[in-house]
Amino acid sequence: MKVAVIGGGVAGSSVAFYLASLGIDVTLFEKRGIVSGPPMCHLHAGGNLYREISDAQCIRLLKESIEFARLYKNAIDVRPTIIATPIDDEEDPKNYLKRLEKLKNEYKKLVEIDPENKILGEVEDYYKAYYKEDLEKLKNKPAPKIPKNLDDWLIPFAKITDLKKLKYPVFLVQEYGINVFRVAAIAEILLKRFNVNIKKAEVIEVKDKFEVIYKENEEIKKEKFDYLINAAGFESGKIDKSLGFKRKRFVEFKAAYITKWDYPFSYMPEIIFHGKRGTPKGMAQFTPYNGGYIQLHGMTKDITLFENGLTKDEVSPTLDENFLEKINKGWDKEEAIKRTKRAISHMSKFIPSFKNAIATSTPLFGAQQIPGEDPDLRAAEVSLEEDYARCEIVKASSIFAMADEIVKDMINKGYLNKEVYKSRDYLKFKTNKEEVDKLACEIAKKRGYPKEMGLLMYP
């Protein structure tokens, strides 16, 4: 059986080595670079960043994040996320308590099923609520060199944040960091380990049953496959269109911005200040990297979101030429600096000293697809046609639930034995931290980012 996977993002790369670990002959087509798409920030281990999604989606994201973290362990920065609600926000943070308690109970069940699932720390520490008086006390404590308990993570937050601008409680949640450069490095290692045939090539079109026509080294080539997996992200519609399939979807261009800030602590948590998406008060997100680099999201149209950045179509939504230019050729430095400075200003509303952060000119950016008709969808996996699967993940953690559905389809078609369903043999392969360090730093540097961003903050 020959399988083609089109697209080498986290979805395509992961499903490629997953299937190859089952003994399938897999060819992966990727024209840019392995896992080089939209920015990642943290494990959505409960989806607490997204107030608008359902409890069911949150529970799915929790389960899927745990499996993602087990495989990509050397890409995970073990530090929590702090969720704060501004005083002028319309939501009451007390409303989150019921959901957080439900997620803690779900985490407990997962750990009871398999102790290896205890990837987010102790169950009782999944979240903790802090009120203003708690933070005022922590504000006066010295920050230890190494955090030893949950309260220690709040000390830097309490010291740098304008606490008068928040509603209470503030929550600490065990949603750890994901380092995109290390995910790319691990994916490259596993693709090689499981002998996936990687073609750095652009797929031009796919003809029925399944002849892939592609450009490799300026030469047009053709190859036939038994099964096709469309993991082309925002370009998935192009493959659908060439095969005559219809699938409603959105595509969205987004960016995060890299800053340098010499904060006076040896560690920092991730910090989310909630806000209404697409308005001037949109959510502000502070993601620390090694070396004092901070990744910023600001969910306003002047920062992370873009005017006309979200489009919808029955078959193949397309991005404006301006966004395609950025993806294919890179950013105009002046525009990048301008948006980064806006992100710094947006964050400094809550962290006044952050106004001294330095803007860099290379954002983390890309476009993603969102299947269906709900632009707020965050937990999605796969849709199927005859010997054809569409990878439709919105969050990276959904990759193995997606892969399981593809394997199930292959079993139903007689391509695989039923014993391999939900096989997890790839989890037995452990990546070497030093190897990942070296390769991740090389990937960061090659893509124009500081090499320090390829290292974990808290090894």
Protein backbone atom coordinates (compact mmCIF):
# COMPACT_ATOMS: atom_id res chain seq x y z
CA MET A 1 0.00 0.00 0.00
CA LYS A 2 1.37 3.40 -1.01
CA VAL A 3 0.16 6.49 0.85
CA ALA A 4 0.76 10.11 -0.08
CA VAL A 5 0.59 12.82 2.58
CA ILE A 6 0.39 16.34 1.17
CA GLY A 7 1.64 18.92 3.66
CA GLY A 8 4.42 18.62 6.24
CA GLY A 9 2.98 20.69 9.05
CA VAL A 10 2.48 19.14 12.46
CA ALA A 11 -0.59 17.25 11.16
CA GLY A 12 0.97 15.87 7.99
CA SER A 13 4.34 15.04 9.54
CA SER A 14 2.81 13.30 12.55
CA VAL A 15 0.33 11.20 10.56
CA ALA A 16 3.14 10.31 8.13
CA PHE A 17 5.45 8.81 10.76
CA TYR A 18 2.47 7.28 12.60
CA LEU A 19 1.43 5.34 9.48
CA ALA A 20 5.05 4.51 8.62
CA SER A 21 5.45 3.02 12.12
CA LEU A 22 2.72 0.53 11.10
CA GLY A 23 4.80 -0.58 8.12
CA ILE A 24 3.03 1.50 5.45
CA ASP A 25 4.99 2.96 2.52
CA VAL A 26 4.51 6.72 3.07
CA THR A 27 5.62 9.66 0.91
CA LEU A 28 5.36 13.16 2.40
CA PHE A 29 5.18 16.21 0.10
CA GLU A 30 6.19 19.54 1.68
CA LYS A 31 7.29 22.61 -0.26
CA ARG A 32 8.43 24.91 2.57
CA GLY A 33 9.77 23.07 5.62
CA ILE A 34 8.70 20.50 8.22
CA VAL A 35 6.33 22.11 10.77
CA SER A 36 6.76 25.64 9.46
CA GLY A 37 3.16 26.84 9.66
CA PRO A 38 1.25 29.02 12.15
CA PRO A 39 2.81 29.81 15.55
CA MET A 40 2.29 27.54 18.57
CA CYS A 41 2.23 28.81 22.13
CA HIS A 42 1.08 26.23 24.66
CA LEU A 43 -0.70 22.92 25.12
CA HIS A 44 -4.40 23.64 25.10
CA ALA A 45 -4.82 21.15 27.93
CA GLY A 46 -8.40 22.10 28.59
CA GLY A 47 -8.75 24.96 26.11
CA ASN A 48 -8.88 27.59 28.84
CA LEU A 49 -7.69 30.23 26.42
CA TYR A 50 -11.00 29.91 24.57
CA ARG A 51 -13.95 31.10 26.61
CA GLU A 52 -16.32 30.75 23.68
CA ILE A 53 -15.95 26.98 23.03
CA SER A 54 -18.04 24.22 24.56
CA ASP A 55 -17.11 22.02 27.52
CA ALA A 56 -17.05 19.06 25.13
CA GLN A 57 -14.36 20.75 23.00
CA CYS A 58 -12.38 21.59 26.14
CA ILE A 59 -12.44 17.97 27.30
CA ARG A 60 -11.31 16.78 23.85
CA LEU A 61 -8.44 19.28 23.86
CA LEU A 62 -7.37 18.07 27.32
CA LYS A 63 -7.22 14.42 26.21
CA GLU A 64 -5.49 15.22 22.94
CA SER A 65 -2.95 17.55 24.59
CA ILE A 66 -1.85 14.81 26.96
CA GLU A 67 -1.09 12.42 24.12
CA PHE A 68 0.68 15.15 22.15
CA ALA A 69 2.85 15.95 25.18
CA ARG A 70 3.74 12.30 25.67
CA LEU A 71 5.14 12.04 22.16
CA TYR A 72 6.60 15.53 21.82
CA LYS A 73 7.89 15.55 25.39
CA ASN A 74 11.19 17.20 24.42
CA ALA A 75 9.24 20.13 22.93
CA ILE A 76 7.28 20.92 26.09
CA ASP A 77 8.27 23.72 28.47
CA VAL A 78 6.93 22.64 31.85
CA ARG A 79 5.53 25.92 33.08
CA PRO A 80 1.90 26.89 33.76
CA THR A 81 -0.36 29.45 32.12
CA ILE A 82 -1.98 32.27 34.08
CA ILE A 83 -5.48 33.30 32.98
CA ALA A 84 -6.50 36.84 33.98
CA THR A 85 -9.63 38.86 33.24
CA PRO A 86 -9.36 42.66 32.81
CA ILE A 87 -11.65 44.82 34.93
CA ASP A 88 -13.35 46.26 31.83
CA ASP A 89 -14.08 42.81 30.35
CA GLU A 90 -17.72 41.72 30.20
CA GLU A 91 -17.12 38.24 31.67
CA ASP A 92 -17.02 37.24 35.36
CA PRO A 93 -14.00 34.99 35.97
CA LYS A 94 -15.92 33.12 38.69
CA ASN A 95 -17.91 31.58 35.81
CA TYR A 96 -14.81 29.55 34.82
CA LEU A 97 -14.67 27.63 38.11
CA LYS A 98 -17.27 25.03 37.15
CA ARG A 99 -15.46 24.24 33.88
CA LEU A 100 -12.05 24.06 35.55
CA GLU A 101 -13.35 21.65 38.16
CA LYS A 102 -14.86 19.49 35.40
CA LEU A 103 -11.52 19.46 33.57
CA LYS A 104 -9.66 18.53 36.75
CA ASN A 105 -12.01 15.56 37.19
CA GLU A 106 -11.45 14.53 33.56
CA TYR A 107 -7.69 14.71 34.11
CA LYS A 108 -8.08 12.51 37.18
CA LYS A 109 -9.96 9.88 35.11
CA LEU A 110 -7.26 9.90 32.42
CA VAL A 111 -4.52 9.37 35.01
CA GLU A 112 -6.50 6.52 36.59
CA ILE A 113 -6.82 4.86 33.17
CA ASP A 114 -3.08 5.19 32.49
CA PRO A 115 -0.54 6.60 35.00
CA GLU A 116 1.62 7.69 32.02
CA ASN A 117 -1.06 10.32 31.34
CA LYS A 118 0.07 12.24 34.42
CA ILE A 119 1.92 14.62 32.13
CA LEU A 120 0.44 17.83 33.63
CA GLY A 121 1.63 17.32 37.19
CA GLU A 122 -0.46 16.23 40.14
CA VAL A 123 -4.22 16.15 39.59
CA GLU A 124 -4.94 18.46 42.54
CA ASP A 125 -2.58 21.02 40.98
CA TYR A 126 -4.35 21.17 37.59
CA TYR A 127 -5.58 24.65 38.50
CA LYS A 128 -5.59 27.09 41.39
CA ALA A 129 -7.57 30.30 41.91
CA TYR A 130 -5.95 33.45 43.31
CA TYR A 131 -7.70 36.53 44.67
CA LYS A 132 -6.30 40.04 44.94
CA GLU A 133 -5.24 39.63 48.58
CA ASP A 134 -3.34 36.46 47.61
CA LEU A 135 -1.44 38.30 44.90
CA GLU A 136 -0.71 41.30 47.13
CA LYS A 137 0.98 38.92 49.59
CA LEU A 138 2.93 37.16 46.83
CA LYS A 139 3.99 40.50 45.41
CA ASN A 140 6.09 41.14 48.51
CA LYS A 141 7.88 37.79 48.42
CA PRO A 142 11.22 37.28 46.67
CA ALA A 143 11.04 35.11 43.57
CA PRO A 144 13.17 31.99 44.09
CA LYS A 145 15.70 31.01 41.44
CA ILE A 146 13.71 27.84 40.72
CA PRO A 147 9.93 27.70 41.35
CA LYS A 148 9.10 24.91 43.79
CA ASN A 149 5.31 25.22 44.04
CA LEU A 150 2.31 26.83 42.34
CA ASP A 151 2.54 30.07 44.34
CA ASP A 152 6.12 30.64 43.19
CA TRP A 153 4.91 30.94 39.59
CA LEU A 154 2.59 33.77 40.62
CA ILE A 155 5.32 35.87 42.24
CA PRO A 156 6.71 37.34 38.98
CA PHE A 157 3.16 37.89 37.70
CA ALA A 158 2.13 39.69 40.90
CA LYS A 159 5.22 41.92 40.79
CA ILE A 160 4.95 43.04 37.15
CA THR A 161 1.17 43.23 36.65
CA ASP A 162 -1.06 46.21 37.45
CA LEU A 163 -3.36 44.28 39.80
CA LYS A 164 -5.90 47.12 39.90
CA LYS A 165 -6.78 46.39 36.27
CA LEU A 166 -8.00 42.85 36.93
CA LYS A 167 -11.11 41.05 38.07
CA TYR A 168 -10.71 38.14 40.46
CA PRO A 169 -9.97 35.34 40.78
CA VAL A 170 -6.95 34.93 38.53
CA PHE A 171 -6.27 31.29 37.59
CA LEU A 172 -3.11 29.26 37.27
CA VAL A 173 -3.69 26.32 34.89
CA GLN A 174 -1.30 23.53 33.87
CA GLU A 175 -1.28 24.37 30.17
CA TYR A 176 2.42 24.02 29.40
CA GLY A 177 4.44 25.65 26.65
CA ILE A 178 5.00 24.17 23.18
CA ASN A 179 8.23 25.11 21.40
CA VAL A 180 7.51 25.08 17.65
CA PHE A 181 11.18 24.73 16.69
CA ARG A 182 11.52 21.65 18.88
CA VAL A 183 8.31 20.16 17.47
CA ALA A 184 9.83 20.61 14.01
CA ALA A 185 13.08 18.97 15.15
CA ILE A 186 11.30 15.97 16.71
CA ALA A 187 9.11 15.54 13.63
CA GLU A 188 12.21 15.51 11.41
CA ILE A 189 13.87 12.91 13.65
CA LEU A 190 10.79 10.63 13.69
CA LEU A 191 10.19 10.94 9.93
CA LYS A 192 13.76 9.77 9.40
CA ARG A 193 13.47 7.07 12.07
CA PHE A 194 10.39 5.52 10.40
CA ASN A 195 11.77 5.86 6.85
CA VAL A 196 9.21 8.27 5.47
CA ASN A 197 10.07 9.34 1.92
CA ILE A 198 10.18 13.15 2.11
CA LYS A 199 9.88 15.15 -1.10
CA LYS A 200 10.60 18.87 -0.93
CA ALA A 201 8.16 19.56 -3.70
CA GLU A 202 5.06 21.57 -4.61
CA VAL A 203 1.98 19.51 -5.46
CA ILE A 204 0.42 21.07 -8.54
CA GLU A 205 -2.67 18.86 -8.78
CA VAL A 206 -4.00 15.41 -7.98
CA LYS A 207 -5.84 13.35 -10.57
CA ASP A 208 -8.42 10.70 -9.82
CA LYS A 209 -7.11 7.52 -8.08
CA PHE A 210 -4.52 9.16 -7.05
CA GLU A 211 -1.93 10.49 -9.43
CA VAL A 212 0.05 13.25 -7.76
CA ILE A 213 1.62 15.76 -10.13
CA TYR A 214 4.33 17.77 -8.43
CA LYS A 215 7.28 20.06 -9.08
CA GLU A 216 10.61 18.96 -7.60
CA ASN A 217 13.84 20.82 -8.42
CA GLU A 218 12.05 22.66 -11.25
CA GLU A 219 11.07 19.33 -12.84
CA ILE A 220 7.46 18.19 -13.21
CA LYS A 221 6.96 14.61 -11.98
CA LYS A 222 4.07 12.17 -11.48
CA GLU A 223 3.49 9.33 -9.03
CA LYS A 224 0.47 7.13 -8.24
CA PHE A 225 -0.77 6.20 -4.75
CA ASP A 226 -3.43 3.96 -3.23
CA TYR A 227 -4.53 6.39 -0.51
CA LEU A 228 -4.20 10.16 -0.22
CA ILE A 229 -4.06 12.29 2.94
CA ASN A 230 -4.67 15.98 2.45
CA ALA A 231 -2.80 17.80 5.24
CA ALA A 232 -2.16 20.93 3.21
CA GLY A 233 -3.54 23.30 5.84
CA PHE A 234 -4.85 26.54 4.37
CA GLU A 235 -4.21 25.11 0.88
CA SER A 236 -6.34 21.99 1.50
CA GLY A 237 -9.08 23.40 -0.71
CA LYS A 238 -6.74 23.37 -3.70
CA ILE A 239 -6.39 19.56 -3.41
CA ASP A 240 -10.14 19.11 -2.87
CA LYS A 241 -10.84 21.23 -5.94
CA SER A 242 -8.53 19.20 -8.18
CA LEU A 243 -10.41 16.02 -7.15
CA GLY A 244 -13.89 17.55 -7.42
CA PHE A 245 -14.64 17.40 -3.67
CA LYS A 246 -16.50 20.09 -1.75
CA ARG A 247 -15.85 20.97 1.87
CA LYS A 248 -16.89 24.20 3.59
CA ARG A 249 -14.03 25.82 5.46
CA PHE A 250 -12.48 29.04 6.63
CA VAL A 251 -8.85 29.99 6.22
CA GLU A 252 -7.27 32.52 8.55
CA PHE A 253 -3.93 34.32 8.52
CA LYS A 254 -2.47 35.10 11.95
CA ALA A 255 0.82 36.28 13.37
CA ALA A 256 2.64 36.41 16.70
CA TYR A 257 5.51 38.79 17.38
CA ILE A 258 8.93 38.23 18.92
CA THR A 259 10.29 40.73 21.45
CA LYS A 260 13.32 40.83 23.74
CA TRP A 261 12.72 41.81 27.35
CA ASP A 262 15.21 41.73 30.21
CA TYR A 263 12.79 40.82 32.98
CA PRO A 264 14.34 40.56 36.48
CA PHE A 265 13.42 36.91 37.16
CA SER A 266 14.95 33.54 36.37
CA TYR A 267 11.57 32.19 35.19
CA MET A 268 8.22 33.39 33.87
CA PRO A 269 4.82 31.74 33.31
CA GLU A 270 2.70 32.18 30.22
CA ILE A 271 0.15 34.95 30.80
CA ILE A 272 -3.25 35.46 29.16
CA PHE A 273 -5.27 38.66 29.63
CA HIS A 274 -8.71 37.84 28.27
CA GLY A 275 -10.53 40.17 25.91
CA LYS A 276 -13.11 40.24 23.13
CA ARG A 277 -11.58 38.94 19.93
CA GLY A 278 -11.31 41.40 17.04
CA THR A 279 -11.87 44.52 19.17
CA PRO A 280 -9.25 46.99 20.49
CA LYS A 281 -9.60 45.14 23.82
CA GLY A 282 -8.75 41.75 22.29
CA MET A 283 -6.95 39.09 24.32
CA ALA A 284 -3.26 39.75 25.09
CA GLN A 285 -0.94 36.73 25.35
CA PHE A 286 2.61 36.64 26.74
CA THR A 287 4.62 33.51 25.87
CA PRO A 288 8.18 33.29 27.27
CA TYR A 289 11.03 31.61 25.40
CA ASN A 290 14.62 30.93 26.35
CA GLY A 291 17.03 33.87 26.30
CA GLY A 292 14.55 36.57 27.36
CA TYR A 293 12.53 36.35 24.14
CA ILE A 294 8.79 36.85 24.48
CA GLN A 295 6.21 35.85 21.86
CA LEU A 296 3.14 38.11 21.82
CA HIS A 297 -0.37 37.63 20.52
CA GLY A 298 -2.86 40.48 20.59
CA MET A 299 -6.27 39.47 19.26
CA THR A 300 -6.96 42.80 17.57
CA LYS A 301 -6.95 43.55 13.83
CA ASP A 302 -3.90 45.74 14.27
CA ILE A 303 -1.79 42.98 15.83
CA THR A 304 -2.42 39.21 15.46
CA LEU A 305 -5.62 39.40 13.41
CA PHE A 306 -5.86 41.14 10.05
CA GLU A 307 -8.48 42.98 8.05
CA ASN A 308 -9.75 40.39 5.52
CA GLY A 309 -7.55 37.79 7.22
CA LEU A 310 -10.47 35.33 7.65
CA THR A 311 -12.14 34.05 4.47
CA LYS A 312 -14.73 31.36 3.75
CA ASP A 313 -15.68 29.30 0.70
CA GLU A 314 -17.60 26.19 -0.33
CA VAL A 315 -14.50 24.54 -1.81
CA SER A 316 -11.25 26.50 -1.79
CA PRO A 317 -11.07 29.75 0.18
CA THR A 318 -8.09 31.87 -0.82
CA LEU A 319 -6.07 34.41 1.11
CA ASP A 320 -5.48 37.94 -0.12
CA GLU A 321 -2.30 38.31 -2.18
CA ASN A 322 -0.78 40.36 0.64
CA PHE A 323 -0.88 37.36 2.98
CA LEU A 324 0.40 34.93 0.37
CA GLU A 325 3.31 37.30 -0.23
CA LYS A 326 4.19 37.14 3.47
CA ILE A 327 3.96 33.34 3.57
CA ASN A 328 6.00 32.80 0.40
CA LYS A 329 8.53 35.64 0.59
CA GLY A 330 8.54 36.97 4.16
CA TRP A 331 7.51 40.19 5.84
CA ASP A 332 8.27 43.79 5.10
CA LYS A 333 10.47 44.70 8.10
CA GLU A 334 8.84 48.08 8.65
CA GLU A 335 5.37 46.52 8.89
CA ALA A 336 6.67 43.77 11.21
CA ILE A 337 8.28 46.30 13.57
CA LYS A 338 5.14 48.46 13.54
CA ARG A 339 2.86 45.55 14.50
CA THR A 340 5.34 44.30 17.10
CA LYS A 341 5.39 47.74 18.74
CA ARG A 342 1.59 47.69 18.84
CA ALA A 343 1.75 44.28 20.54
CA ILE A 344 4.20 45.68 23.11
CA SER A 345 1.90 48.64 23.76
CA HIS A 346 -1.11 46.32 24.09
CA MET A 347 0.67 44.13 26.66
CA SER A 348 2.02 47.10 28.61
CA LYS A 349 -1.57 48.11 29.48
CA PHE A 350 -1.39 45.26 32.01
CA ILE A 351 2.38 44.94 32.50
CA PRO A 352 3.60 48.57 32.56
CA SER A 353 7.34 47.74 32.56
CA PHE A 354 6.90 45.77 29.35
CA LYS A 355 6.93 49.07 27.44
CA ASN A 356 10.73 48.73 27.52
CA ALA A 357 10.68 45.50 25.48
CA ILE A 358 12.58 45.59 22.18
CA ALA A 359 10.78 44.75 18.93
CA THR A 360 12.33 42.26 16.49
CA SER A 361 11.46 42.14 12.80
CA THR A 362 10.68 38.43 12.27
CA PRO A 363 7.17 37.42 13.39
CA LEU A 364 5.99 33.84 13.77
CA PHE A 365 3.13 33.60 11.30
CA GLY A 366 1.08 31.46 8.98
CA ALA A 367 -2.42 30.51 7.89
CA GLN A 368 -4.68 27.75 9.13
CA GLN A 369 -7.92 26.19 8.04
CA ILE A 370 -11.04 25.86 10.19
CA PRO A 371 -13.49 23.27 8.78
CA GLY A 372 -17.24 23.80 8.65
CA GLU A 373 -19.14 26.98 9.41
CA ASP A 374 -18.05 27.90 12.94
CA PRO A 375 -14.96 30.14 13.00
CA ASP A 376 -14.65 29.53 16.76
CA LEU A 377 -14.17 25.76 16.30
CA ARG A 378 -10.95 24.58 17.98
CA ALA A 379 -11.28 20.78 18.34
CA ALA A 380 -11.49 19.08 14.92
CA GLU A 381 -9.81 16.07 13.40
CA VAL A 382 -10.59 14.51 10.02
CA SER A 383 -13.16 14.04 7.26
CA LEU A 384 -13.17 11.15 4.79
CA GLU A 385 -13.94 10.38 1.16
CA GLU A 386 -13.14 7.20 -0.80
CA ASP A 387 -9.47 6.36 0.03
CA TYR A 388 -9.00 10.04 0.84
CA ALA A 389 -8.67 11.75 4.21
CA ARG A 390 -8.69 15.45 4.99
CA CYS A 391 -6.69 16.43 8.07
CA GLU A 392 -8.72 19.21 9.65
CA ILE A 393 -7.02 19.86 12.96
CA VAL A 394 -7.16 23.42 14.28
CA LYS A 395 -4.98 22.78 17.31
CA ALA A 396 -1.84 20.65 17.08
CA SER A 397 -2.89 18.41 19.96
CA SER A 398 -5.64 16.81 17.81
CA ILE A 399 -3.16 14.99 15.56
CA PHE A 400 -3.41 11.48 17.03
CA ALA A 401 -7.19 11.39 17.28
CA MET A 402 -7.06 12.35 13.60
CA ALA A 403 -4.53 9.62 12.81
CA ASP A 404 -6.66 7.01 14.62
CA GLU A 405 -9.64 7.84 12.39
CA ILE A 406 -7.50 7.46 9.27
CA VAL A 407 -6.21 4.07 10.49
CA LYS A 408 -9.80 3.02 11.25
CA ASP A 409 -10.78 3.91 7.69
CA MET A 410 -7.85 1.92 6.31
CA ILE A 411 -8.89 -1.09 8.44
CA ASN A 412 -12.45 -0.84 7.12
CA LYS A 413 -11.11 -0.78 3.56
CA GLY A 414 -8.98 -3.87 4.21
CA TYR A 415 -5.63 -2.11 3.96
CA LEU A 416 -4.65 -2.80 7.60
CA ASN A 417 -5.38 -5.41 10.25
CA LYS A 418 -7.71 -4.34 13.05
CA GLU A 419 -5.05 -5.10 15.68
CA VAL A 420 -3.17 -1.90 14.77
CA TYR A 421 -6.07 0.41 15.66
CA LYS A 422 -4.89 2.93 18.25
CA SER A 423 -1.42 1.42 18.15
CA ARG A 424 1.00 3.53 20.12
CA ASP A 425 4.31 1.87 19.22
CA TYR A 426 5.73 5.25 18.22
CA LEU A 427 5.50 6.32 21.86
CA LYS A 428 8.21 3.80 22.66
CA PHE A 429 10.68 5.80 20.56
CA LYS A 430 12.26 8.42 22.79
CA THR A 431 14.05 11.38 21.26
CA ASN A 432 17.38 12.46 22.70
CA LYS A 433 17.25 15.91 24.32
CA GLU A 434 20.73 16.93 23.16
CA GLU A 435 19.91 15.92 19.58
CA VAL A 436 16.68 17.93 19.72
CA ASP A 437 18.53 20.93 21.25
CA LYS A 438 21.04 20.99 18.40
CA LEU A 439 18.55 20.52 15.58
CA ALA A 440 15.95 22.95 17.04
CA CYS A 441 18.57 25.71 17.36
CA GLU A 442 19.62 25.07 13.75
CA ILE A 443 15.99 25.26 12.58
CA ALA A 444 15.35 28.50 14.51
CA LYS A 445 18.47 30.14 13.07
CA LYS A 446 17.75 28.94 9.52
CA ARG A 447 14.24 30.45 9.71
CA GLY A 448 15.57 33.81 10.88
CA TYR A 449 14.92 33.58 14.63
CA PRO A 450 17.38 33.70 17.55
CA LYS A 451 18.87 30.24 18.04
CA GLU A 452 18.17 30.49 21.80
CA MET A 453 14.47 30.10 20.96
CA GLY A 454 15.19 26.50 20.03
CA LEU A 455 16.03 25.62 23.64
CA LEU A 456 13.68 24.84 26.51
CA MET A 457 13.37 27.46 29.23
CA TYR A 458 13.17 24.90 31.98
CA PRO A 459 15.12 21.77 30.94
